N, C-alpha and C. Protein backbone atom coordinates (compact mmCIF):
# COMPACT_ATOMS: atom_id res chain seq x y z
N MET A 1 96.17 106.99 72.06
CA MET A 1 94.84 106.61 72.58
C MET A 1 94.69 105.09 72.52
N VAL A 2 94.09 104.51 73.54
CA VAL A 2 93.96 103.07 73.63
C VAL A 2 93.01 102.52 72.57
N ASN A 3 93.31 101.31 72.10
CA ASN A 3 92.41 100.62 71.19
C ASN A 3 91.11 100.31 71.91
N LEU A 4 90.00 100.47 71.23
CA LEU A 4 88.69 100.24 71.88
C LEU A 4 88.56 98.81 72.40
N ASP A 5 89.21 97.86 71.75
CA ASP A 5 89.12 96.47 72.18
C ASP A 5 89.82 96.26 73.53
N ASP A 6 90.76 97.15 73.85
CA ASP A 6 91.51 97.02 75.10
C ASP A 6 90.98 97.90 76.22
N ALA A 7 90.01 98.75 75.92
CA ALA A 7 89.49 99.70 76.91
C ALA A 7 88.67 98.97 77.98
N ILE A 8 88.66 99.56 79.18
CA ILE A 8 87.81 99.07 80.26
C ILE A 8 86.66 100.05 80.46
N ILE A 9 85.59 99.58 81.08
CA ILE A 9 84.38 100.38 81.22
C ILE A 9 84.23 100.86 82.66
N ALA A 10 83.93 102.16 82.80
CA ALA A 10 83.51 102.71 84.09
C ALA A 10 82.04 103.04 83.94
N ARG A 11 81.24 102.61 84.93
CA ARG A 11 79.78 102.71 84.78
C ARG A 11 79.15 103.32 86.03
N LEU A 12 78.20 104.22 85.82
CA LEU A 12 77.42 104.82 86.91
C LEU A 12 75.95 104.70 86.58
N GLU A 13 75.17 104.20 87.54
CA GLU A 13 73.71 104.15 87.38
C GLU A 13 73.09 105.17 88.30
N SER A 14 72.30 106.07 87.72
CA SER A 14 71.69 107.15 88.49
C SER A 14 70.46 107.67 87.77
N HIS A 15 69.46 108.08 88.54
CA HIS A 15 68.24 108.64 87.97
C HIS A 15 67.61 107.70 86.94
N GLY A 16 67.71 106.38 87.20
CA GLY A 16 67.12 105.41 86.29
C GLY A 16 67.83 105.29 84.97
N GLU A 17 69.05 105.76 84.90
CA GLU A 17 69.80 105.76 83.65
C GLU A 17 71.21 105.18 83.90
N THR A 18 71.82 104.64 82.85
CA THR A 18 73.18 104.13 82.92
C THR A 18 74.10 105.03 82.11
N PHE A 19 75.25 105.35 82.70
CA PHE A 19 76.24 106.20 82.04
C PHE A 19 77.57 105.46 82.03
N GLU A 20 78.17 105.33 80.86
CA GLU A 20 79.42 104.59 80.73
C GLU A 20 80.48 105.42 80.00
N ILE A 21 81.73 105.22 80.39
CA ILE A 21 82.85 105.78 79.66
C ILE A 21 83.86 104.66 79.42
N LEU A 22 84.65 104.81 78.36
CA LEU A 22 85.66 103.81 78.01
C LEU A 22 87.04 104.36 78.36
N LEU A 23 87.80 103.59 79.16
CA LEU A 23 89.07 104.06 79.70
C LEU A 23 90.26 103.24 79.23
N ASP A 24 91.39 103.91 79.10
CA ASP A 24 92.66 103.24 78.90
C ASP A 24 93.00 102.53 80.22
N PRO A 25 93.25 101.23 80.22
CA PRO A 25 93.55 100.52 81.47
C PRO A 25 94.80 101.03 82.18
N ALA A 26 95.64 101.80 81.47
CA ALA A 26 96.84 102.37 82.10
C ALA A 26 96.48 103.27 83.26
N VAL A 27 95.28 103.84 83.24
CA VAL A 27 94.87 104.74 84.33
C VAL A 27 94.84 104.01 85.67
N MET A 28 94.64 102.68 85.63
CA MET A 28 94.56 101.91 86.86
C MET A 28 95.89 101.94 87.61
N ASN A 29 97.00 101.99 86.89
CA ASN A 29 98.30 102.04 87.55
C ASN A 29 98.46 103.32 88.36
N PHE A 30 97.99 104.44 87.80
CA PHE A 30 98.10 105.71 88.50
C PHE A 30 97.15 105.76 89.70
N LEU A 31 95.92 105.26 89.51
CA LEU A 31 94.97 105.23 90.61
C LEU A 31 95.46 104.31 91.71
N LYS A 32 96.11 103.21 91.33
CA LYS A 32 96.65 102.25 92.31
C LYS A 32 97.70 102.92 93.19
N GLN A 33 98.45 103.85 92.60
CA GLN A 33 99.49 104.55 93.34
C GLN A 33 98.95 105.75 94.11
N GLY A 34 97.64 105.97 94.02
CA GLY A 34 97.04 107.09 94.74
C GLY A 34 97.31 108.44 94.09
N LYS A 35 97.75 108.44 92.83
CA LYS A 35 98.07 109.69 92.15
C LYS A 35 96.81 110.37 91.63
N LYS A 36 96.85 111.68 91.61
CA LYS A 36 95.76 112.44 91.03
C LYS A 36 95.97 112.48 89.52
N VAL A 37 94.95 112.15 88.78
CA VAL A 37 95.08 112.12 87.32
C VAL A 37 93.91 112.86 86.68
N ASN A 38 94.14 113.35 85.48
CA ASN A 38 93.07 113.92 84.67
C ASN A 38 92.45 112.78 83.88
N ILE A 39 91.30 112.29 84.35
CA ILE A 39 90.68 111.11 83.74
C ILE A 39 90.44 111.31 82.25
N ALA A 40 90.15 112.54 81.85
CA ALA A 40 89.83 112.79 80.43
C ALA A 40 90.99 112.41 79.53
N GLU A 41 92.22 112.48 80.05
CA GLU A 41 93.38 112.13 79.25
C GLU A 41 93.46 110.62 78.97
N PHE A 42 92.70 109.84 79.72
CA PHE A 42 92.74 108.38 79.58
C PHE A 42 91.47 107.83 78.95
N LEU A 43 90.63 108.70 78.41
CA LEU A 43 89.41 108.25 77.74
C LEU A 43 89.75 107.65 76.38
N ALA A 44 89.21 106.48 76.10
CA ALA A 44 89.39 105.88 74.78
C ALA A 44 88.53 106.62 73.75
N VAL A 45 87.39 107.12 74.20
CA VAL A 45 86.49 107.93 73.38
C VAL A 45 86.01 109.09 74.25
N GLU A 46 86.10 110.31 73.75
CA GLU A 46 85.67 111.46 74.54
C GLU A 46 84.16 111.62 74.45
N ASP A 47 83.48 110.66 75.03
CA ASP A 47 82.01 110.68 75.00
C ASP A 47 81.50 109.84 76.15
N VAL A 48 80.24 110.04 76.51
CA VAL A 48 79.59 109.24 77.54
C VAL A 48 78.47 108.44 76.87
N PHE A 49 78.36 107.17 77.26
CA PHE A 49 77.41 106.27 76.60
C PHE A 49 76.35 105.78 77.57
N LYS A 50 75.23 105.38 76.99
CA LYS A 50 74.20 104.66 77.75
C LYS A 50 74.57 103.18 77.74
N ASN A 51 75.02 102.70 76.59
CA ASN A 51 75.51 101.34 76.43
C ASN A 51 76.69 101.41 75.47
N SER A 52 77.91 101.32 76.00
CA SER A 52 79.09 101.52 75.17
C SER A 52 79.26 100.43 74.12
N SER A 53 78.82 99.21 74.42
CA SER A 53 78.97 98.13 73.44
C SER A 53 78.08 98.34 72.22
N LYS A 54 76.95 99.02 72.41
CA LYS A 54 76.05 99.30 71.30
C LYS A 54 76.25 100.69 70.73
N GLY A 55 77.03 101.51 71.46
CA GLY A 55 77.29 102.87 70.99
C GLY A 55 76.14 103.82 71.21
N THR A 56 75.18 103.46 72.06
CA THR A 56 74.04 104.34 72.31
C THR A 56 74.39 105.37 73.39
N ARG A 57 73.82 106.57 73.27
CA ARG A 57 74.10 107.65 74.20
C ARG A 57 72.84 108.03 74.99
N PRO A 58 73.00 108.46 76.23
CA PRO A 58 71.85 108.97 76.97
C PRO A 58 71.46 110.34 76.42
N ALA A 59 70.24 110.74 76.70
CA ALA A 59 69.77 112.05 76.23
C ALA A 59 70.59 113.16 76.88
N GLU A 60 70.83 114.24 76.12
CA GLU A 60 71.63 115.35 76.62
C GLU A 60 71.04 115.93 77.90
N GLU A 61 69.70 116.04 77.93
CA GLU A 61 69.07 116.62 79.13
C GLU A 61 69.27 115.73 80.35
N LYS A 62 69.38 114.41 80.13
CA LYS A 62 69.59 113.47 81.23
C LYS A 62 71.02 113.63 81.77
N ILE A 63 71.96 113.83 80.86
CA ILE A 63 73.35 114.05 81.27
C ILE A 63 73.44 115.31 82.13
N LYS A 64 72.81 116.39 81.66
CA LYS A 64 72.82 117.65 82.40
C LYS A 64 72.15 117.49 83.77
N GLU A 65 71.06 116.72 83.81
CA GLU A 65 70.32 116.53 85.05
C GLU A 65 71.17 115.81 86.10
N VAL A 66 71.90 114.78 85.67
CA VAL A 66 72.68 113.96 86.61
C VAL A 66 74.00 114.62 86.98
N PHE A 67 74.70 115.19 85.99
CA PHE A 67 76.05 115.68 86.23
C PHE A 67 76.14 117.20 86.35
N GLY A 68 75.09 117.90 85.92
CA GLY A 68 75.09 119.35 86.01
C GLY A 68 76.03 120.02 85.03
N THR A 69 76.53 119.27 84.05
CA THR A 69 77.46 119.79 83.06
C THR A 69 77.51 118.87 81.86
N ASP A 70 78.02 119.38 80.74
CA ASP A 70 78.27 118.53 79.59
C ASP A 70 79.77 118.41 79.34
N ASP A 71 80.57 118.86 80.31
CA ASP A 71 82.03 118.76 80.21
C ASP A 71 82.44 117.31 80.46
N ILE A 72 83.02 116.67 79.45
CA ILE A 72 83.34 115.24 79.55
C ILE A 72 84.36 114.97 80.66
N SER A 73 85.24 115.93 80.93
CA SER A 73 86.22 115.74 82.01
C SER A 73 85.53 115.62 83.36
N GLU A 74 84.58 116.50 83.61
CA GLU A 74 83.85 116.47 84.88
C GLU A 74 82.95 115.23 84.97
N ILE A 75 82.33 114.88 83.86
CA ILE A 75 81.47 113.70 83.83
C ILE A 75 82.29 112.45 84.13
N ALA A 76 83.44 112.32 83.45
CA ALA A 76 84.30 111.15 83.65
C ALA A 76 84.76 111.05 85.09
N LYS A 77 85.12 112.18 85.68
CA LYS A 77 85.58 112.20 87.07
C LYS A 77 84.50 111.69 88.01
N LYS A 78 83.25 112.14 87.80
CA LYS A 78 82.15 111.74 88.68
C LYS A 78 81.81 110.25 88.50
N ILE A 79 81.89 109.78 87.26
CA ILE A 79 81.61 108.37 87.02
C ILE A 79 82.65 107.50 87.73
N ILE A 80 83.92 107.91 87.66
CA ILE A 80 85.00 107.17 88.33
C ILE A 80 84.79 107.17 89.84
N GLU A 81 84.49 108.35 90.41
CA GLU A 81 84.39 108.51 91.86
C GLU A 81 83.16 107.80 92.44
N LYS A 82 82.03 107.86 91.72
CA LYS A 82 80.78 107.36 92.28
C LYS A 82 80.31 106.04 91.69
N GLY A 83 80.88 105.66 90.56
CA GLY A 83 80.43 104.45 89.90
C GLY A 83 81.36 103.27 90.13
N GLU A 84 81.34 102.33 89.21
CA GLU A 84 82.17 101.13 89.29
C GLU A 84 83.03 101.02 88.04
N VAL A 85 84.26 100.54 88.25
CA VAL A 85 85.18 100.35 87.13
C VAL A 85 85.34 98.86 86.89
N GLN A 86 85.19 98.49 85.64
CA GLN A 86 85.33 97.09 85.25
C GLN A 86 86.81 96.71 85.35
N MET A 87 87.12 95.77 86.21
CA MET A 87 88.49 95.29 86.32
C MET A 87 88.48 93.88 86.88
N THR A 88 89.58 93.19 86.69
CA THR A 88 89.66 91.83 87.20
C THR A 88 89.81 91.85 88.72
N ALA A 89 89.50 90.73 89.35
CA ALA A 89 89.65 90.62 90.80
C ALA A 89 91.10 90.85 91.20
N GLU A 90 92.02 90.38 90.36
CA GLU A 90 93.45 90.56 90.67
C GLU A 90 93.86 92.02 90.60
N GLN A 91 93.34 92.75 89.60
CA GLN A 91 93.63 94.18 89.48
C GLN A 91 93.14 94.93 90.72
N ARG A 92 91.93 94.61 91.14
CA ARG A 92 91.36 95.29 92.30
C ARG A 92 92.16 94.97 93.56
N LYS A 93 92.53 93.70 93.72
CA LYS A 93 93.31 93.30 94.89
C LYS A 93 94.64 94.04 94.93
N GLU A 94 95.33 94.12 93.80
CA GLU A 94 96.61 94.81 93.74
C GLU A 94 96.44 96.29 94.07
N MET A 95 95.40 96.90 93.54
CA MET A 95 95.16 98.32 93.80
C MET A 95 94.91 98.58 95.29
N LEU A 96 94.08 97.74 95.90
CA LEU A 96 93.76 97.91 97.32
C LEU A 96 94.99 97.70 98.19
N GLU A 97 95.78 96.68 97.88
CA GLU A 97 96.98 96.40 98.67
C GLU A 97 97.99 97.54 98.56
N ALA A 98 98.18 98.05 97.34
CA ALA A 98 99.14 99.12 97.13
C ALA A 98 98.71 100.39 97.86
N LYS A 99 97.42 100.71 97.81
CA LYS A 99 96.96 101.93 98.45
C LYS A 99 96.97 101.79 99.96
N ARG A 100 96.63 100.61 100.48
CA ARG A 100 96.68 100.37 101.92
C ARG A 100 98.11 100.55 102.44
N HIS A 101 99.07 100.02 101.69
CA HIS A 101 100.48 100.18 102.06
C HIS A 101 100.87 101.65 102.07
N GLN A 102 100.38 102.39 101.09
CA GLN A 102 100.69 103.82 101.00
C GLN A 102 100.14 104.57 102.20
N VAL A 103 98.92 104.24 102.62
CA VAL A 103 98.30 104.89 103.78
C VAL A 103 99.10 104.60 105.05
N ILE A 104 99.44 103.33 105.27
CA ILE A 104 100.16 102.94 106.48
C ILE A 104 101.56 103.57 106.50
N THR A 105 102.23 103.58 105.36
CA THR A 105 103.56 104.17 105.27
C THR A 105 103.53 105.65 105.61
N TYR A 106 102.51 106.35 105.11
CA TYR A 106 102.39 107.79 105.39
C TYR A 106 102.18 108.04 106.88
N ILE A 107 101.29 107.26 107.49
CA ILE A 107 101.01 107.45 108.91
C ILE A 107 102.24 107.12 109.75
N ALA A 108 102.93 106.04 109.41
CA ALA A 108 104.13 105.66 110.16
C ALA A 108 105.20 106.74 110.08
N ALA A 109 105.26 107.45 108.96
CA ALA A 109 106.29 108.47 108.78
C ALA A 109 105.91 109.81 109.41
N ASN A 110 104.63 110.08 109.54
CA ASN A 110 104.19 111.41 109.96
C ASN A 110 103.54 111.48 111.33
N ALA A 111 103.25 110.34 111.93
CA ALA A 111 102.57 110.34 113.22
C ALA A 111 103.46 109.78 114.31
N ILE A 112 103.14 110.13 115.57
CA ILE A 112 103.90 109.63 116.71
C ILE A 112 102.94 109.17 117.80
N ASN A 113 103.51 108.46 118.78
CA ASN A 113 102.82 108.17 120.02
C ASN A 113 103.08 109.37 120.93
N PRO A 114 102.05 110.18 121.25
CA PRO A 114 102.29 111.39 122.06
C PRO A 114 102.80 111.09 123.47
N GLN A 115 102.62 109.86 123.93
CA GLN A 115 103.10 109.50 125.27
C GLN A 115 104.60 109.29 125.29
N THR A 116 105.15 108.76 124.20
CA THR A 116 106.59 108.46 124.15
C THR A 116 107.34 109.40 123.22
N LYS A 117 106.59 110.15 122.39
CA LYS A 117 107.18 111.03 121.37
C LYS A 117 107.93 110.25 120.29
N LEU A 118 107.63 108.97 120.17
CA LEU A 118 108.27 108.12 119.18
C LEU A 118 107.25 107.66 118.14
N PRO A 119 107.70 107.37 116.91
CA PRO A 119 106.75 106.88 115.89
C PRO A 119 106.29 105.46 116.21
N HIS A 120 105.10 105.14 115.74
CA HIS A 120 104.61 103.77 115.84
C HIS A 120 105.22 102.94 114.71
N PRO A 121 105.66 101.71 114.98
CA PRO A 121 106.15 100.85 113.89
C PRO A 121 105.06 100.57 112.86
N TYR A 122 105.47 100.34 111.65
CA TYR A 122 104.54 100.04 110.55
C TYR A 122 103.59 98.90 110.94
N VAL A 123 104.16 97.83 111.51
CA VAL A 123 103.35 96.64 111.82
C VAL A 123 102.29 96.95 112.88
N ARG A 124 102.62 97.80 113.85
CA ARG A 124 101.63 98.15 114.87
C ARG A 124 100.44 98.87 114.25
N ILE A 125 100.71 99.79 113.34
CA ILE A 125 99.63 100.52 112.65
C ILE A 125 98.83 99.55 111.79
N GLU A 126 99.52 98.67 111.09
CA GLU A 126 98.85 97.70 110.23
C GLU A 126 97.90 96.81 111.02
N LEU A 127 98.36 96.30 112.16
CA LEU A 127 97.53 95.41 112.97
C LEU A 127 96.34 96.15 113.58
N ALA A 128 96.56 97.40 113.99
CA ALA A 128 95.47 98.19 114.56
C ALA A 128 94.39 98.47 113.50
N LEU A 129 94.81 98.74 112.28
CA LEU A 129 93.84 98.98 111.21
C LEU A 129 93.08 97.71 110.84
N GLU A 130 93.76 96.58 110.93
CA GLU A 130 93.06 95.30 110.71
C GLU A 130 92.01 95.10 111.80
N GLU A 131 92.37 95.39 113.04
CA GLU A 131 91.41 95.26 114.15
C GLU A 131 90.22 96.19 113.95
N ALA A 132 90.49 97.39 113.41
CA ALA A 132 89.42 98.38 113.19
C ALA A 132 88.62 98.10 111.93
N LYS A 133 89.03 97.06 111.16
CA LYS A 133 88.36 96.71 109.90
C LYS A 133 88.37 97.89 108.91
N PHE A 134 89.53 98.51 108.80
CA PHE A 134 89.71 99.63 107.88
C PHE A 134 89.81 99.11 106.45
N HIS A 135 89.11 99.79 105.54
CA HIS A 135 89.15 99.44 104.12
C HIS A 135 89.46 100.69 103.31
N VAL A 136 90.45 100.60 102.44
CA VAL A 136 90.72 101.73 101.54
C VAL A 136 89.71 101.73 100.41
N ASP A 137 89.51 102.90 99.84
CA ASP A 137 88.67 103.05 98.67
C ASP A 137 89.60 103.34 97.50
N PRO A 138 89.66 102.46 96.49
CA PRO A 138 90.64 102.64 95.41
C PRO A 138 90.48 103.92 94.62
N PHE A 139 89.30 104.53 94.64
CA PHE A 139 89.08 105.72 93.83
C PHE A 139 88.88 106.99 94.66
N ARG A 140 89.04 106.87 95.97
CA ARG A 140 88.94 108.04 96.84
C ARG A 140 90.31 108.69 96.97
N PRO A 141 90.39 110.03 97.02
CA PRO A 141 91.69 110.67 97.24
C PRO A 141 92.37 110.09 98.48
N ILE A 142 93.66 109.86 98.39
CA ILE A 142 94.36 109.19 99.48
C ILE A 142 94.29 109.99 100.77
N GLU A 143 94.16 111.31 100.68
CA GLU A 143 94.06 112.13 101.88
C GLU A 143 92.82 111.73 102.72
N LYS A 144 91.74 111.37 102.02
CA LYS A 144 90.52 110.97 102.74
C LYS A 144 90.68 109.58 103.37
N ASP A 145 91.42 108.69 102.69
CA ASP A 145 91.70 107.38 103.29
C ASP A 145 92.55 107.55 104.54
N ILE A 146 93.51 108.45 104.50
CA ILE A 146 94.36 108.70 105.67
C ILE A 146 93.54 109.27 106.82
N ASP A 147 92.65 110.21 106.52
CA ASP A 147 91.78 110.77 107.56
C ASP A 147 90.92 109.68 108.20
N GLU A 148 90.36 108.82 107.37
CA GLU A 148 89.51 107.74 107.87
C GLU A 148 90.33 106.78 108.73
N ALA A 149 91.54 106.45 108.29
CA ALA A 149 92.40 105.55 109.05
C ALA A 149 92.74 106.14 110.41
N MET A 150 93.03 107.43 110.47
CA MET A 150 93.37 108.07 111.74
C MET A 150 92.18 108.09 112.70
N LYS A 151 90.99 108.29 112.18
CA LYS A 151 89.79 108.24 113.03
C LYS A 151 89.62 106.89 113.69
N LEU A 152 89.93 105.83 112.93
CA LEU A 152 89.80 104.48 113.46
C LEU A 152 90.94 104.12 114.42
N LEU A 153 92.11 104.70 114.19
CA LEU A 153 93.27 104.37 115.02
C LEU A 153 93.21 105.03 116.40
N ARG A 154 92.69 106.24 116.48
CA ARG A 154 92.77 107.00 117.74
C ARG A 154 92.14 106.29 118.93
N PRO A 155 91.00 105.57 118.78
CA PRO A 155 90.47 104.86 119.94
C PRO A 155 91.29 103.63 120.34
N LEU A 156 92.19 103.18 119.45
CA LEU A 156 92.93 101.94 119.68
C LEU A 156 94.36 102.17 120.18
N ILE A 157 95.02 103.19 119.66
CA ILE A 157 96.39 103.47 120.08
C ILE A 157 96.56 104.99 120.21
N PRO A 158 97.45 105.43 121.11
CA PRO A 158 97.71 106.88 121.21
C PRO A 158 98.49 107.33 119.98
N ILE A 159 97.92 108.22 119.21
CA ILE A 159 98.56 108.61 117.96
C ILE A 159 98.10 109.99 117.54
N ARG A 160 99.02 110.74 116.96
CA ARG A 160 98.67 112.05 116.38
C ARG A 160 99.76 112.45 115.40
N PHE A 161 99.37 113.27 114.44
CA PHE A 161 100.34 113.84 113.52
C PHE A 161 101.07 114.97 114.23
N GLU A 162 102.37 115.04 114.02
CA GLU A 162 103.14 116.07 114.70
C GLU A 162 104.42 116.37 113.93
N LYS A 163 104.80 117.64 113.93
CA LYS A 163 106.07 118.06 113.36
C LYS A 163 107.09 118.19 114.49
N SER A 164 108.34 117.91 114.17
CA SER A 164 109.42 118.08 115.13
C SER A 164 110.44 119.07 114.58
N ARG A 165 111.15 119.70 115.49
CA ARG A 165 112.25 120.58 115.11
C ARG A 165 113.51 120.00 115.73
N ILE A 166 114.54 119.89 114.91
CA ILE A 166 115.79 119.30 115.38
C ILE A 166 116.96 120.20 114.99
N ALA A 167 118.00 120.14 115.80
CA ALA A 167 119.24 120.83 115.49
C ALA A 167 120.26 119.78 115.04
N ILE A 168 120.95 120.06 113.94
CA ILE A 168 121.91 119.11 113.37
C ILE A 168 123.28 119.80 113.28
N LYS A 169 124.30 119.06 113.66
CA LYS A 169 125.68 119.56 113.49
C LYS A 169 126.47 118.52 112.73
N LEU A 170 127.09 118.96 111.63
CA LEU A 170 127.88 118.06 110.78
C LEU A 170 129.27 118.64 110.57
N LYS A 171 130.24 117.77 110.39
CA LYS A 171 131.54 118.22 109.95
C LYS A 171 131.40 118.82 108.56
N GLY A 172 132.21 119.80 108.26
CA GLY A 172 132.12 120.47 106.97
C GLY A 172 132.20 119.52 105.80
N GLU A 173 133.08 118.52 105.89
CA GLU A 173 133.25 117.59 104.78
C GLU A 173 132.07 116.63 104.62
N ASP A 174 131.21 116.54 105.64
CA ASP A 174 130.05 115.64 105.58
C ASP A 174 128.80 116.32 105.03
N TYR A 175 128.81 117.65 104.99
CA TYR A 175 127.60 118.39 104.60
C TYR A 175 127.09 117.98 103.22
N GLY A 176 127.98 117.91 102.24
CA GLY A 176 127.57 117.59 100.87
C GLY A 176 126.89 116.25 100.74
N ARG A 177 127.42 115.23 101.42
CA ARG A 177 126.85 113.89 101.29
C ARG A 177 125.56 113.73 102.10
N CYS A 178 125.28 114.66 103.00
CA CYS A 178 124.07 114.56 103.83
C CYS A 178 122.94 115.49 103.38
N PHE A 179 123.27 116.46 102.54
CA PHE A 179 122.30 117.50 102.19
C PHE A 179 121.03 116.93 101.56
N ASP A 180 121.16 116.04 100.58
CA ASP A 180 119.98 115.49 99.89
C ASP A 180 119.05 114.78 100.86
N ASP A 181 119.61 114.04 101.81
CA ASP A 181 118.77 113.36 102.79
C ASP A 181 118.00 114.36 103.65
N MET A 182 118.66 115.42 104.06
CA MET A 182 117.99 116.40 104.93
C MET A 182 116.82 117.08 104.23
N VAL A 183 117.03 117.53 103.01
CA VAL A 183 115.94 118.24 102.32
C VAL A 183 114.85 117.26 101.87
N HIS A 184 115.18 115.98 101.76
CA HIS A 184 114.15 114.98 101.44
C HIS A 184 113.19 114.81 102.60
N TYR A 185 113.70 114.86 103.82
CA TYR A 185 112.86 114.60 105.00
C TYR A 185 112.14 115.84 105.53
N GLY A 186 112.67 117.01 105.30
CA GLY A 186 112.02 118.19 105.88
C GLY A 186 112.56 119.48 105.33
N ILE A 187 112.39 120.55 106.10
CA ILE A 187 112.76 121.90 105.68
C ILE A 187 113.88 122.41 106.57
N ILE A 188 114.94 122.90 105.96
CA ILE A 188 116.02 123.54 106.72
C ILE A 188 115.62 125.00 106.96
N GLU A 189 115.32 125.32 108.22
CA GLU A 189 114.83 126.66 108.54
C GLU A 189 115.97 127.67 108.69
N ARG A 190 117.05 127.22 109.31
CA ARG A 190 118.20 128.11 109.51
C ARG A 190 119.47 127.28 109.39
N GLU A 191 120.53 127.93 108.95
CA GLU A 191 121.80 127.22 108.87
C GLU A 191 122.95 128.22 108.99
N GLU A 192 124.07 127.73 109.47
CA GLU A 192 125.25 128.59 109.58
C GLU A 192 126.51 127.71 109.63
N TRP A 193 127.62 128.33 109.30
CA TRP A 193 128.90 127.64 109.37
C TRP A 193 129.64 128.14 110.61
N ALA A 194 130.06 127.21 111.45
CA ALA A 194 130.76 127.57 112.68
C ALA A 194 132.23 127.89 112.39
N ALA A 195 132.87 128.49 113.37
CA ALA A 195 134.27 128.89 113.21
C ALA A 195 135.18 127.69 112.96
N ASP A 196 134.79 126.52 113.48
CA ASP A 196 135.63 125.33 113.29
C ASP A 196 135.37 124.63 111.95
N GLY A 197 134.52 125.22 111.10
CA GLY A 197 134.25 124.66 109.78
C GLY A 197 133.06 123.70 109.74
N SER A 198 132.43 123.46 110.88
CA SER A 198 131.28 122.56 110.91
C SER A 198 130.01 123.30 110.49
N TRP A 199 129.04 122.52 110.02
CA TRP A 199 127.74 123.07 109.60
C TRP A 199 126.71 122.83 110.68
N ILE A 200 125.91 123.85 111.02
CA ILE A 200 124.85 123.74 112.03
C ILE A 200 123.54 124.18 111.39
N GLY A 201 122.52 123.35 111.50
CA GLY A 201 121.23 123.68 110.89
C GLY A 201 120.07 123.36 111.81
N LEU A 202 118.97 124.10 111.60
CA LEU A 202 117.72 123.86 112.32
C LEU A 202 116.69 123.40 111.32
N MET A 203 116.10 122.24 111.56
CA MET A 203 115.15 121.64 110.61
C MET A 203 113.79 121.41 111.23
N GLU A 204 112.75 121.47 110.37
CA GLU A 204 111.40 121.01 110.75
C GLU A 204 111.06 119.84 109.84
N LEU A 205 110.52 118.77 110.42
CA LEU A 205 110.18 117.58 109.65
C LEU A 205 109.12 116.78 110.39
N PRO A 206 108.43 115.85 109.69
CA PRO A 206 107.44 114.99 110.37
C PRO A 206 108.10 114.23 111.52
N ALA A 207 107.45 114.23 112.68
CA ALA A 207 108.05 113.64 113.87
C ALA A 207 108.43 112.18 113.67
N GLY A 208 107.62 111.46 112.92
CA GLY A 208 107.87 110.04 112.74
C GLY A 208 109.11 109.72 111.92
N THR A 209 109.66 110.72 111.23
CA THR A 209 110.83 110.47 110.38
C THR A 209 112.15 110.83 111.05
N VAL A 210 112.09 111.40 112.26
CA VAL A 210 113.32 111.81 112.94
C VAL A 210 114.28 110.64 113.16
N PRO A 211 113.82 109.50 113.70
CA PRO A 211 114.76 108.38 113.89
C PRO A 211 115.40 107.91 112.59
N GLU A 212 114.63 107.88 111.51
CA GLU A 212 115.15 107.40 110.23
C GLU A 212 116.21 108.35 109.68
N LEU A 213 115.94 109.67 109.74
CA LEU A 213 116.93 110.64 109.27
C LEU A 213 118.19 110.58 110.15
N THR A 214 117.99 110.49 111.46
CA THR A 214 119.13 110.42 112.37
C THR A 214 120.03 109.24 112.04
N GLU A 215 119.42 108.09 111.79
CA GLU A 215 120.18 106.89 111.46
C GLU A 215 120.97 107.08 110.16
N LYS A 216 120.34 107.71 109.16
CA LYS A 216 121.03 107.92 107.89
C LYS A 216 122.21 108.86 108.06
N LEU A 217 122.02 109.94 108.83
CA LEU A 217 123.11 110.89 109.03
C LEU A 217 124.26 110.25 109.80
N LYS A 218 123.92 109.46 110.80
CA LYS A 218 124.96 108.79 111.58
C LYS A 218 125.76 107.82 110.69
N HIS A 219 125.03 107.14 109.81
CA HIS A 219 125.68 106.17 108.93
C HIS A 219 126.63 106.88 107.95
N LYS A 220 126.15 107.97 107.36
CA LYS A 220 126.94 108.66 106.34
C LYS A 220 128.13 109.42 106.94
N THR A 221 128.05 109.73 108.24
CA THR A 221 129.14 110.49 108.86
C THR A 221 129.97 109.62 109.80
N LYS A 222 129.73 108.29 109.73
CA LYS A 222 130.44 107.35 110.61
C LYS A 222 130.26 107.71 112.10
N GLY A 223 129.04 108.17 112.41
CA GLY A 223 128.68 108.43 113.80
C GLY A 223 128.99 109.81 114.32
N SER A 224 129.56 110.67 113.50
CA SER A 224 129.96 111.99 114.01
C SER A 224 128.83 113.02 113.98
N ALA A 225 127.76 112.77 113.25
CA ALA A 225 126.65 113.73 113.18
C ALA A 225 125.98 113.85 114.55
N SER A 226 125.62 115.09 114.88
CA SER A 226 124.89 115.35 116.13
C SER A 226 123.48 115.78 115.79
N VAL A 227 122.48 115.10 116.34
CA VAL A 227 121.08 115.43 116.10
C VAL A 227 120.38 115.57 117.45
N LYS A 228 119.80 116.73 117.70
CA LYS A 228 119.14 116.98 118.98
C LYS A 228 117.74 117.55 118.75
N MET A 229 116.77 117.08 119.54
CA MET A 229 115.41 117.62 119.47
C MET A 229 115.40 119.01 120.10
N ILE A 230 114.61 119.90 119.49
CA ILE A 230 114.48 121.26 120.03
C ILE A 230 113.20 121.36 120.86
């Protein structure tokens, strides 16, 4: 458990009352990466305060009125989501930049231009989001940031999420060195070994990752891998 002197404060003001919790600053690293965390595990003190520096607590009935529960895990989660977390400007900047990169990377990997059936480059998505004045929320689930980004992108560029199905043929000796890459990018739906010893598989994967997987397979097989869209 973090030393109280090193804890940061998350604060929510509601119903004319202030509610504070003391957090291990390590939680910021997980939130910065967009990971889901159990906030209660990062509490320096398993309690909610009216003024943490003085150690005063809000009335129990006030806690129930605002949060609808006395479960510290649920209270902490709501304070994080709806309130403000004390952090330096540099910490906030790093968190926003990291999460913005995560959103753009996800969209670039999973979305395509429906007119060309090709993925949009990272930079094109980044510039379009800048034009749309998109802002990530450091404490919002990343899925909601992605949804918001897609809403802003659609009027600016042709884009949609799409899965692709591809057929892959590899020489038997290449299968082992390519397997990890294939299962990393998608799902192998069907596979069989041909009479000549080659491996043939049918995969489903995010459309935006097809060129990247194709390039990796070609590189690892010295160009002998065959990849065809279904």
